[in-house]
C-alpha cells in the first residue's frame, strides 16, 4: 500500500511565510507609488478642468477670474492677507463646472459633494488654494491656483496634499506644472507667501491661500 503524501513541515511553512513576507515588502511600496502616480495624474487633470472653468467665467466677467473680494486684516512681512478664496472658487459651481469631485485632490480625504449652489466651499470640501485677486493685468506666467498650503500659516512648506513632496500649480495662461518647491511663482516667488521681506508687492505677485 502506498503511503499518503506528507504535509508541509514546520520549517517549510516558515520558509514559505518568510518568502511571502519578503515579496509583500517589495511589492506593497511599488503598488503604493503606482497609486500615488495615478492620483497625481487625476489631480493635475482637476487643475486643468478648473482652469478651463475659470477661463469661461472670465469671458463673462470682463476677463476677471472668480472673486468675492478681500477681508482686510493687519499684515506684516511674514504674514499673509486673508482672502475669501473658497467663496471665490465656489462661484464656478455649477454654471461653469458641474463636476464637484474635480475640486477634490484624490490624495486627500476632502469631500465636496455637500456643496450647494450659492454657498461657499469649506476647507474640508476643497483641496485647492487660489489667488482671487487677479484680472486683466495679470502676467500669463503668474500662479493662480495650487494644491492647498500645508497649514493656515504654511507658506514655507510644500502642500500636504501629496505628502509634502510638492504641488500642482495652475498658471494664469491655463497650463499646469508640478513643482517640488513652493518657489514656483513668477521670478521664483513663493506662491504661498504674500510678500518677501524687503520686496514690494506687485501685480505679478501670487498669494495662493485657502480659508
Protein backbone atom coordinates (compact mmCIF):
# COMPACT_ATOMS: atom_id res chain seq x y z
CA UNK A 1 0.00 0.00 0.00
CA UNK A 2 1.31 3.45 -0.95
CA UNK A 3 1.84 5.91 1.86
CA UNK A 4 -0.20 9.11 1.74
CA UNK A 5 1.66 12.27 0.79
CA UNK A 6 3.27 14.02 3.71
CA UNK A 7 2.19 17.59 4.62
CA UNK A 8 4.48 20.57 4.93
CA UNK A 9 6.88 20.54 7.81
CA UNK A 10 7.03 23.47 10.20
CA UNK A 11 10.36 24.56 8.69
CA UNK A 12 8.90 24.54 5.18
CA UNK A 13 5.92 26.60 6.30
CA UNK A 14 8.18 29.15 7.97
CA UNK A 15 10.33 29.41 4.83
CA UNK A 16 7.22 29.92 2.69
CA UNK A 17 5.86 32.59 5.03
CA UNK A 18 9.24 34.32 5.01
CA UNK A 19 9.33 34.37 1.19
CA UNK A 20 5.80 35.79 1.05
CA UNK A 21 6.72 38.47 3.59
CA UNK A 22 9.74 39.49 1.50
CA UNK A 23 7.62 39.66 -1.67
CA UNK A 24 4.99 41.74 0.13
CA UNK A 25 7.69 44.08 1.41
CA UNK A 26 8.89 44.60 -2.15
CA UNK A 27 5.53 44.80 -3.92
CA UNK A 28 3.49 46.92 -1.49
CA UNK A 29 5.67 50.06 -1.80
CA UNK A 30 5.59 49.67 -5.60
CA UNK A 31 1.79 49.45 -5.54
CA UNK A 32 1.61 52.47 -3.23
CA UNK A 33 3.80 54.52 -5.61
CA UNK A 34 1.68 53.41 -8.56
CA UNK A 35 -1.50 54.50 -6.80
CA UNK A 36 0.01 57.88 -5.95
CA UNK A 37 1.13 58.39 -9.57
CA UNK A 38 -2.45 57.76 -10.64
CA UNK A 39 -3.67 60.27 -8.06
CA UNK A 40 -1.15 62.83 -9.31
CA UNK A 41 -2.47 62.45 -12.85
CA UNK A 42 -6.06 62.89 -11.70
CA UNK A 43 -5.14 65.88 -9.53
CA UNK A 44 -3.41 67.56 -12.47
CA UNK A 45 -6.47 66.91 -14.62
CA UNK A 46 -8.66 68.59 -11.99
CA UNK A 47 -6.43 71.68 -12.06
CA UNK A 48 -6.77 71.85 -15.85
CA UNK A 49 -10.56 71.46 -15.71
CA UNK A 50 -10.87 74.22 -13.12
CA UNK A 51 -8.58 76.39 -15.23
CA UNK A 52 -10.93 75.95 -18.21
CA UNK A 53 -13.89 76.84 -15.99
CA UNK A 54 -12.07 79.99 -14.86
CA UNK A 55 -11.49 80.99 -18.47
CA UNK A 56 -15.19 80.56 -19.25
CA UNK A 57 -16.03 82.63 -16.17
CA UNK A 58 -13.59 85.35 -17.22
CA UNK A 59 -15.25 85.57 -20.64
CA UNK A 60 -18.46 86.57 -18.88
CA UNK A 61 -16.86 88.95 -16.35
CA UNK A 62 -14.55 91.27 -18.31
CA UNK A 63 -11.58 88.89 -18.09
CA UNK A 64 -11.58 88.72 -14.30
CA UNK A 65 -11.37 85.38 -12.58
CA UNK A 66 -13.86 84.48 -9.80
CA UNK A 67 -13.54 86.80 -6.83
CA UNK A 68 -15.53 87.50 -3.69
CA UNK A 69 -13.19 90.29 -2.58
CA UNK A 70 -10.70 90.62 0.24
CA UNK A 71 -11.11 90.60 4.02
CA UNK A 72 -8.77 93.40 5.09
CA UNK A 73 -6.67 92.44 8.12
CA UNK A 74 -3.33 93.69 9.52
CA UNK A 75 -0.38 92.14 7.74
CA UNK A 76 3.38 92.08 8.24
CA UNK A 77 6.25 91.00 6.03
CA UNK A 78 5.79 87.39 7.13
CA UNK A 79 2.00 87.28 7.38
CA UNK A 80 -0.48 86.73 4.61
CA UNK A 81 -3.65 88.61 3.89
CA UNK A 82 -6.99 86.95 4.46
CA UNK A 83 -8.93 86.36 1.24
CA UNK A 84 -12.32 84.75 0.77
CA UNK A 85 -10.82 82.32 -1.70
CA UNK A 86 -13.09 79.34 -1.07
CA UNK A 87 -16.13 81.53 -1.69
CA UNK A 88 -14.50 82.70 -4.91
CA UNK A 89 -13.85 79.17 -6.18
CA UNK A 90 -17.40 78.15 -5.34
CA UNK A 91 -18.65 80.72 -7.89
CA UNK A 92 -17.65 78.23 -10.59
CA UNK A 93 -20.24 75.68 -9.42
CA UNK A 94 -22.36 74.70 -11.18
CA UNK A 95 -22.75 77.03 -14.13
CA UNK A 96 -19.09 76.78 -15.17
CA UNK A 97 -18.11 73.46 -13.60
CA UNK A 98 -20.69 70.89 -12.50
CA UNK A 99 -18.31 68.03 -11.59
CA UNK A 100 -17.89 68.58 -7.86
CA UNK A 101 -15.26 65.87 -7.41
CA UNK A 102 -12.90 67.90 -9.60
CA UNK A 103 -12.48 70.21 -6.60
CA UNK A 104 -11.01 67.28 -4.64
CA UNK A 105 -7.43 66.05 -4.83
CA UNK A 106 -7.70 62.21 -4.78
CA UNK A 107 -4.75 62.05 -2.36
CA UNK A 108 -6.85 63.78 0.32
CA UNK A 109 -9.96 62.98 2.35
CA UNK A 110 -11.71 66.17 1.23
CA UNK A 111 -15.32 65.72 0.09
CA UNK A 112 -17.05 68.49 -1.89
CA UNK A 113 -20.29 66.58 -2.50
CA UNK A 114 -22.21 68.58 0.10
CA UNK A 115 -21.70 71.90 -1.69
CA UNK A 116 -24.91 73.74 -2.55
CA UNK A 117 -25.11 76.25 -5.39
CA UNK A 118 -24.63 79.73 -3.96
CA UNK A 119 -22.77 78.55 -0.85
CA UNK A 120 -19.04 78.68 -0.19
CA UNK A 121 -16.76 75.69 -0.05
CA UNK A 122 -15.49 74.77 3.41
CA UNK A 123 -11.82 73.77 3.95
CA UNK A 124 -12.81 70.09 4.07
CA UNK A 125 -14.70 70.36 0.78
CA UNK A 126 -11.99 71.82 -1.46
CA UNK A 127 -8.42 70.56 -1.90
CA UNK A 128 -7.11 73.61 -3.69
CA UNK A 129 -5.96 77.12 -2.86
CA UNK A 130 -6.40 80.18 -5.04
CA UNK A 131 -5.40 83.79 -5.64
CA UNK A 132 -8.72 85.53 -6.15
CA UNK A 133 -7.30 88.99 -6.89
CA UNK A 134 -6.00 88.56 -10.41
CA UNK A 135 -7.62 90.04 -13.50
CA UNK A 136 -6.85 91.50 -16.89
CA UNK A 137 -3.41 92.85 -15.92
CA UNK A 138 -2.04 89.52 -14.73
CA UNK A 139 1.07 88.14 -16.41
CA UNK A 140 0.35 84.74 -18.07
CA UNK A 141 3.18 83.17 -16.05
CA UNK A 142 1.68 84.04 -12.65
CA UNK A 143 0.44 81.17 -10.49
CA UNK A 144 -3.31 81.43 -9.88
CA UNK A 145 -4.18 78.15 -8.11
CA UNK A 146 -2.39 75.20 -6.50
CA UNK A 147 -2.78 72.33 -4.06
CA UNK A 148 -3.74 73.95 -0.75
CA UNK A 149 -0.95 75.00 1.66
CA UNK A 150 0.28 72.62 4.31
CA UNK A 151 -1.44 74.67 7.01
CA UNK A 152 -3.02 78.06 7.57
CA UNK A 153 0.44 79.57 8.05
CA UNK A 154 2.35 77.02 5.97
CA UNK A 155 3.80 79.36 3.36
CA UNK A 156 7.31 77.91 3.66
CA UNK A 157 6.30 74.27 3.18
CA UNK A 158 5.00 72.16 0.32
CA UNK A 159 1.32 71.28 0.22
CA UNK A 160 0.22 68.36 2.37
CA UNK A 161 -1.98 67.02 -0.43
CA UNK A 162 0.86 64.92 -1.79
CA UNK A 163 2.78 64.08 1.38
CA UNK A 164 4.70 67.39 1.27
CA UNK A 165 6.57 66.27 -1.85
CA UNK A 166 5.37 69.19 -3.94
CA UNK A 167 2.25 70.69 -5.51
CA UNK A 168 0.48 71.12 -8.80
CA UNK A 169 0.33 74.76 -9.86
CA UNK A 170 -2.18 76.27 -12.29
CA UNK A 171 -0.90 79.35 -14.10
CA UNK A 172 -2.88 82.27 -15.46
CA UNK A 173 -2.42 81.09 -19.06
CA UNK A 174 -4.08 77.76 -18.20
CA UNK A 175 -1.13 75.38 -18.09
CA UNK A 176 -0.42 73.18 -15.05
CA UNK A 177 3.01 72.22 -13.69
CA UNK A 178 4.23 70.00 -10.87
CA UNK A 179 6.61 71.89 -8.60
CA UNK A 180 8.68 70.22 -5.87
CA UNK A 181 9.16 73.64 -4.22
CA UNK A 182 6.89 76.48 -3.13
CA UNK A 183 9.03 78.97 -5.08
CA UNK A 184 7.06 78.21 -8.23
CA UNK A 185 5.74 81.67 -8.99
CA UNK A 186 6.91 84.23 -11.49
CA UNK A 187 10.59 85.09 -10.91
CA UNK A 188 10.79 82.42 -8.22
CA UNK A 189 8.12 83.93 -5.96
CA UNK A 190 6.84 81.82 -3.09
CA UNK A 191 3.28 81.05 -4.20
CA UNK A 192 2.00 80.74 -0.62
CA UNK A 193 3.54 83.97 0.66
CA UNK A 194 2.03 87.41 0.09
CA UNK A 195 5.41 89.11 0.09
CA UNK A 196 9.04 88.57 0.95
CA UNK A 197 10.83 90.85 3.43
CA UNK A 198 12.08 93.93 1.60
CA UNK A 199 10.26 93.09 -1.64
CA UNK A 200 7.40 95.40 -2.64
CA UNK A 201 4.04 93.94 -3.64
CA UNK A 202 3.49 93.88 -7.40
CA UNK A 203 0.61 92.95 -9.69
CA UNK A 204 2.54 89.81 -10.63
CA UNK A 205 2.78 88.53 -7.04
CA UNK A 206 0.78 85.44 -6.14
CA UNK A 207 -0.80 84.72 -2.83
CA UNK A 208 -2.42 81.32 -3.15
CA UNK A 209 -4.35 80.63 0.01
CA UNK A 210 -7.37 78.81 1.38
CA UNK A 211 -9.60 79.96 4.21
